[in-house]
Amino acid sequence: MGYQYIADVLTRKLPYLPKNLNNNPKITGSSTFKDRMTAEKVADIVLRDPENIGKIQKWLSDPNSRPTLPLIQR
């Protein structure tokens, strides 16, 4: 599984994101960046990390997974 697959899955989920954020008090954090270029660079690094790819695969395939998935930039 590669970056494009993850991006496609997340894009399909994005239309629901604002509603989920507003309706789910368990979502307790988010990331902020000084500009879009920095945000995109960090997202690219995080989503290409093999360890994070495994975490994302497991999270997406588990219907009982938590509503958030913390990922760490290495």
N, C-alpha and C. Protein backbone atom coordinates (compact mmCIF):
# COMPACT_ATOMS: atom_id res chain seq x y z
N MET A 1 0.85 -1.18 0.00
CA MET A 1 0.00 0.00 0.00
C MET A 1 0.89 1.23 0.00
N GLY A 2 0.53 2.19 -0.79
CA GLY A 2 1.36 3.37 -0.88
C GLY A 2 0.64 4.63 -0.46
N TYR A 3 1.36 5.71 -0.61
CA TYR A 3 0.87 7.03 -0.22
C TYR A 3 -0.44 7.36 -0.93
N GLN A 4 -0.52 7.05 -2.25
CA GLN A 4 -1.72 7.42 -3.00
C GLN A 4 -2.95 6.71 -2.45
N TYR A 5 -2.82 5.45 -2.07
CA TYR A 5 -3.95 4.72 -1.49
C TYR A 5 -4.43 5.40 -0.21
N ILE A 6 -3.49 5.75 0.65
CA ILE A 6 -3.85 6.41 1.91
C ILE A 6 -4.54 7.73 1.61
N ALA A 7 -3.98 8.50 0.68
CA ALA A 7 -4.59 9.78 0.31
C ALA A 7 -6.00 9.57 -0.21
N ASP A 8 -6.22 8.54 -1.04
CA ASP A 8 -7.55 8.28 -1.58
C ASP A 8 -8.54 7.92 -0.47
N VAL A 9 -8.11 7.08 0.47
CA VAL A 9 -8.98 6.68 1.58
C VAL A 9 -9.34 7.90 2.43
N LEU A 10 -8.35 8.71 2.75
CA LEU A 10 -8.61 9.89 3.57
C LEU A 10 -9.50 10.89 2.85
N THR A 11 -9.33 11.02 1.54
CA THR A 11 -10.18 11.93 0.76
C THR A 11 -11.63 11.48 0.81
N ARG A 12 -11.86 10.19 0.75
CA ARG A 12 -13.24 9.69 0.84
C ARG A 12 -13.84 9.97 2.21
N LYS A 13 -13.02 9.99 3.24
CA LYS A 13 -13.52 10.23 4.59
C LYS A 13 -13.67 11.71 4.92
N LEU A 14 -12.98 12.58 4.19
CA LEU A 14 -12.97 14.00 4.52
C LEU A 14 -14.33 14.68 4.51
N PRO A 15 -15.27 14.33 3.60
CA PRO A 15 -16.56 15.02 3.66
C PRO A 15 -17.25 14.86 5.01
N TYR A 16 -16.95 13.81 5.73
CA TYR A 16 -17.59 13.56 7.02
C TYR A 16 -16.81 14.18 8.18
N LEU A 17 -15.60 14.63 7.92
CA LEU A 17 -14.73 15.10 8.99
C LEU A 17 -15.31 16.24 9.81
N PRO A 18 -15.79 17.33 9.21
CA PRO A 18 -16.33 18.42 10.04
C PRO A 18 -17.47 17.96 10.96
N LYS A 19 -18.37 17.13 10.43
CA LYS A 19 -19.47 16.63 11.26
C LYS A 19 -18.93 15.76 12.39
N ASN A 20 -17.97 14.89 12.08
CA ASN A 20 -17.40 14.03 13.11
C ASN A 20 -16.70 14.84 14.19
N LEU A 21 -15.99 15.87 13.80
CA LEU A 21 -15.30 16.70 14.78
C LEU A 21 -16.28 17.40 15.71
N ASN A 22 -17.36 17.89 15.15
CA ASN A 22 -18.35 18.60 15.96
C ASN A 22 -19.16 17.66 16.85
N ASN A 23 -19.37 16.43 16.41
CA ASN A 23 -20.23 15.51 17.14
C ASN A 23 -19.48 14.53 18.03
N ASN A 24 -18.16 14.61 18.06
CA ASN A 24 -17.41 13.63 18.82
C ASN A 24 -16.51 14.29 19.86
N PRO A 25 -16.96 14.31 21.11
CA PRO A 25 -16.16 14.94 22.16
C PRO A 25 -14.87 14.19 22.49
N LYS A 26 -14.71 12.97 21.96
CA LYS A 26 -13.50 12.20 22.23
C LYS A 26 -12.31 12.71 21.42
N ILE A 27 -12.58 13.50 20.39
CA ILE A 27 -11.48 14.07 19.60
C ILE A 27 -10.95 15.26 20.39
N THR A 28 -9.75 15.08 20.90
CA THR A 28 -9.24 16.07 21.85
C THR A 28 -8.06 16.88 21.34
N GLY A 29 -7.60 16.61 20.14
CA GLY A 29 -6.43 17.34 19.68
C GLY A 29 -6.36 17.43 18.18
N SER A 30 -5.52 18.31 17.73
CA SER A 30 -5.27 18.47 16.31
C SER A 30 -3.90 19.10 16.15
N SER A 31 -3.45 19.19 14.92
CA SER A 31 -2.16 19.82 14.63
C SER A 31 -2.39 21.15 13.94
N THR A 32 -1.54 22.11 14.22
CA THR A 32 -1.59 23.38 13.51
C THR A 32 -0.20 23.68 12.96
N PHE A 33 -0.18 24.40 11.86
CA PHE A 33 1.07 24.72 11.19
C PHE A 33 1.07 26.19 10.79
N LYS A 34 2.26 26.74 10.60
CA LYS A 34 2.37 28.16 10.28
C LYS A 34 1.88 28.48 8.88
N ASP A 35 1.94 27.48 7.97
CA ASP A 35 1.44 27.71 6.61
C ASP A 35 1.12 26.37 5.96
N ARG A 36 0.46 26.45 4.82
CA ARG A 36 0.02 25.24 4.13
C ARG A 36 1.21 24.40 3.66
N MET A 37 2.26 25.04 3.17
CA MET A 37 3.41 24.30 2.67
C MET A 37 4.02 23.43 3.78
N THR A 38 4.14 23.98 4.97
CA THR A 38 4.67 23.21 6.10
C THR A 38 3.75 22.06 6.44
N ALA A 39 2.45 22.32 6.47
CA ALA A 39 1.47 21.27 6.78
C ALA A 39 1.56 20.14 5.76
N GLU A 40 1.65 20.48 4.49
CA GLU A 40 1.73 19.45 3.45
C GLU A 40 3.03 18.66 3.55
N LYS A 41 4.12 19.32 3.86
CA LYS A 41 5.41 18.63 4.00
C LYS A 41 5.37 17.64 5.16
N VAL A 42 4.84 18.08 6.30
CA VAL A 42 4.75 17.20 7.47
C VAL A 42 3.79 16.04 7.18
N ALA A 43 2.64 16.33 6.58
CA ALA A 43 1.69 15.26 6.25
C ALA A 43 2.33 14.24 5.32
N ASP A 44 3.08 14.70 4.34
CA ASP A 44 3.75 13.80 3.41
C ASP A 44 4.75 12.90 4.14
N ILE A 45 5.53 13.49 5.02
CA ILE A 45 6.52 12.72 5.79
C ILE A 45 5.82 11.67 6.65
N VAL A 46 4.79 12.09 7.35
CA VAL A 46 4.07 11.19 8.26
C VAL A 46 3.38 10.07 7.50
N LEU A 47 2.74 10.40 6.37
CA LEU A 47 1.99 9.38 5.63
C LEU A 47 2.89 8.43 4.84
N ARG A 48 4.14 8.79 4.61
CA ARG A 48 5.08 7.90 3.90
C ARG A 48 5.87 7.00 4.87
N ASP A 49 5.82 7.28 6.14
CA ASP A 49 6.56 6.50 7.13
C ASP A 49 5.99 5.07 7.18
N PRO A 50 6.81 4.05 6.93
CA PRO A 50 6.31 2.67 6.92
C PRO A 50 5.59 2.26 8.21
N GLU A 51 6.09 2.72 9.34
CA GLU A 51 5.43 2.38 10.60
C GLU A 51 4.03 2.99 10.65
N ASN A 52 3.90 4.23 10.22
CA ASN A 52 2.59 4.87 10.21
C ASN A 52 1.65 4.24 9.19
N ILE A 53 2.19 3.80 8.05
CA ILE A 53 1.36 3.14 7.04
C ILE A 53 0.73 1.89 7.65
N GLY A 54 1.51 1.14 8.41
CA GLY A 54 0.98 -0.05 9.10
C GLY A 54 -0.09 0.31 10.10
N LYS A 55 0.14 1.39 10.86
CA LYS A 55 -0.87 1.83 11.83
C LYS A 55 -2.16 2.24 11.14
N ILE A 56 -2.03 2.94 10.02
CA ILE A 56 -3.21 3.40 9.28
C ILE A 56 -3.98 2.22 8.72
N GLN A 57 -3.27 1.24 8.15
CA GLN A 57 -3.93 0.03 7.63
C GLN A 57 -4.73 -0.67 8.71
N LYS A 58 -4.11 -0.85 9.87
CA LYS A 58 -4.78 -1.53 10.98
C LYS A 58 -5.99 -0.73 11.44
N TRP A 59 -5.84 0.60 11.56
CA TRP A 59 -6.92 1.47 12.02
C TRP A 59 -8.10 1.44 11.06
N LEU A 60 -7.81 1.48 9.75
CA LEU A 60 -8.88 1.47 8.76
C LEU A 60 -9.62 0.13 8.71
N SER A 61 -8.91 -0.95 8.96
CA SER A 61 -9.53 -2.27 8.85
C SER A 61 -10.27 -2.71 10.10
N ASP A 62 -10.10 -2.01 11.20
CA ASP A 62 -10.74 -2.39 12.46
C ASP A 62 -11.99 -1.53 12.69
N PRO A 63 -13.18 -2.13 12.57
CA PRO A 63 -14.41 -1.35 12.77
C PRO A 63 -14.56 -0.83 14.20
N ASN A 64 -13.79 -1.38 15.14
CA ASN A 64 -13.87 -0.95 16.53
C ASN A 64 -12.75 0.01 16.92
N SER A 65 -12.01 0.50 15.92
CA SER A 65 -10.90 1.40 16.25
C SER A 65 -11.42 2.73 16.78
N ARG A 66 -10.57 3.39 17.53
CA ARG A 66 -10.92 4.69 18.10
C ARG A 66 -11.17 5.70 16.98
N PRO A 67 -11.86 6.79 17.27
CA PRO A 67 -12.15 7.76 16.22
C PRO A 67 -10.92 8.57 15.77
N THR A 68 -9.87 8.55 16.54
CA THR A 68 -8.66 9.28 16.16
C THR A 68 -7.48 8.32 16.06
N LEU A 69 -6.51 8.70 15.27
CA LEU A 69 -5.31 7.91 15.11
C LEU A 69 -4.11 8.84 15.21
N PRO A 70 -3.48 8.90 16.37
CA PRO A 70 -2.30 9.76 16.50
C PRO A 70 -1.13 9.18 15.70
N LEU A 71 -0.52 10.01 14.88
CA LEU A 71 0.65 9.60 14.12
C LEU A 71 1.80 10.54 14.46
N ILE A 72 3.00 10.00 14.56
CA ILE A 72 4.15 10.76 14.99
C ILE A 72 5.10 10.97 13.82
N GLN A 73 5.60 12.18 13.69
CA GLN A 73 6.60 12.46 12.67
C GLN A 73 7.96 12.02 13.21
N ARG A 74 8.66 11.23 12.45
CA ARG A 74 9.99 10.74 12.84
C ARG A 74 11.05 11.42 12.02
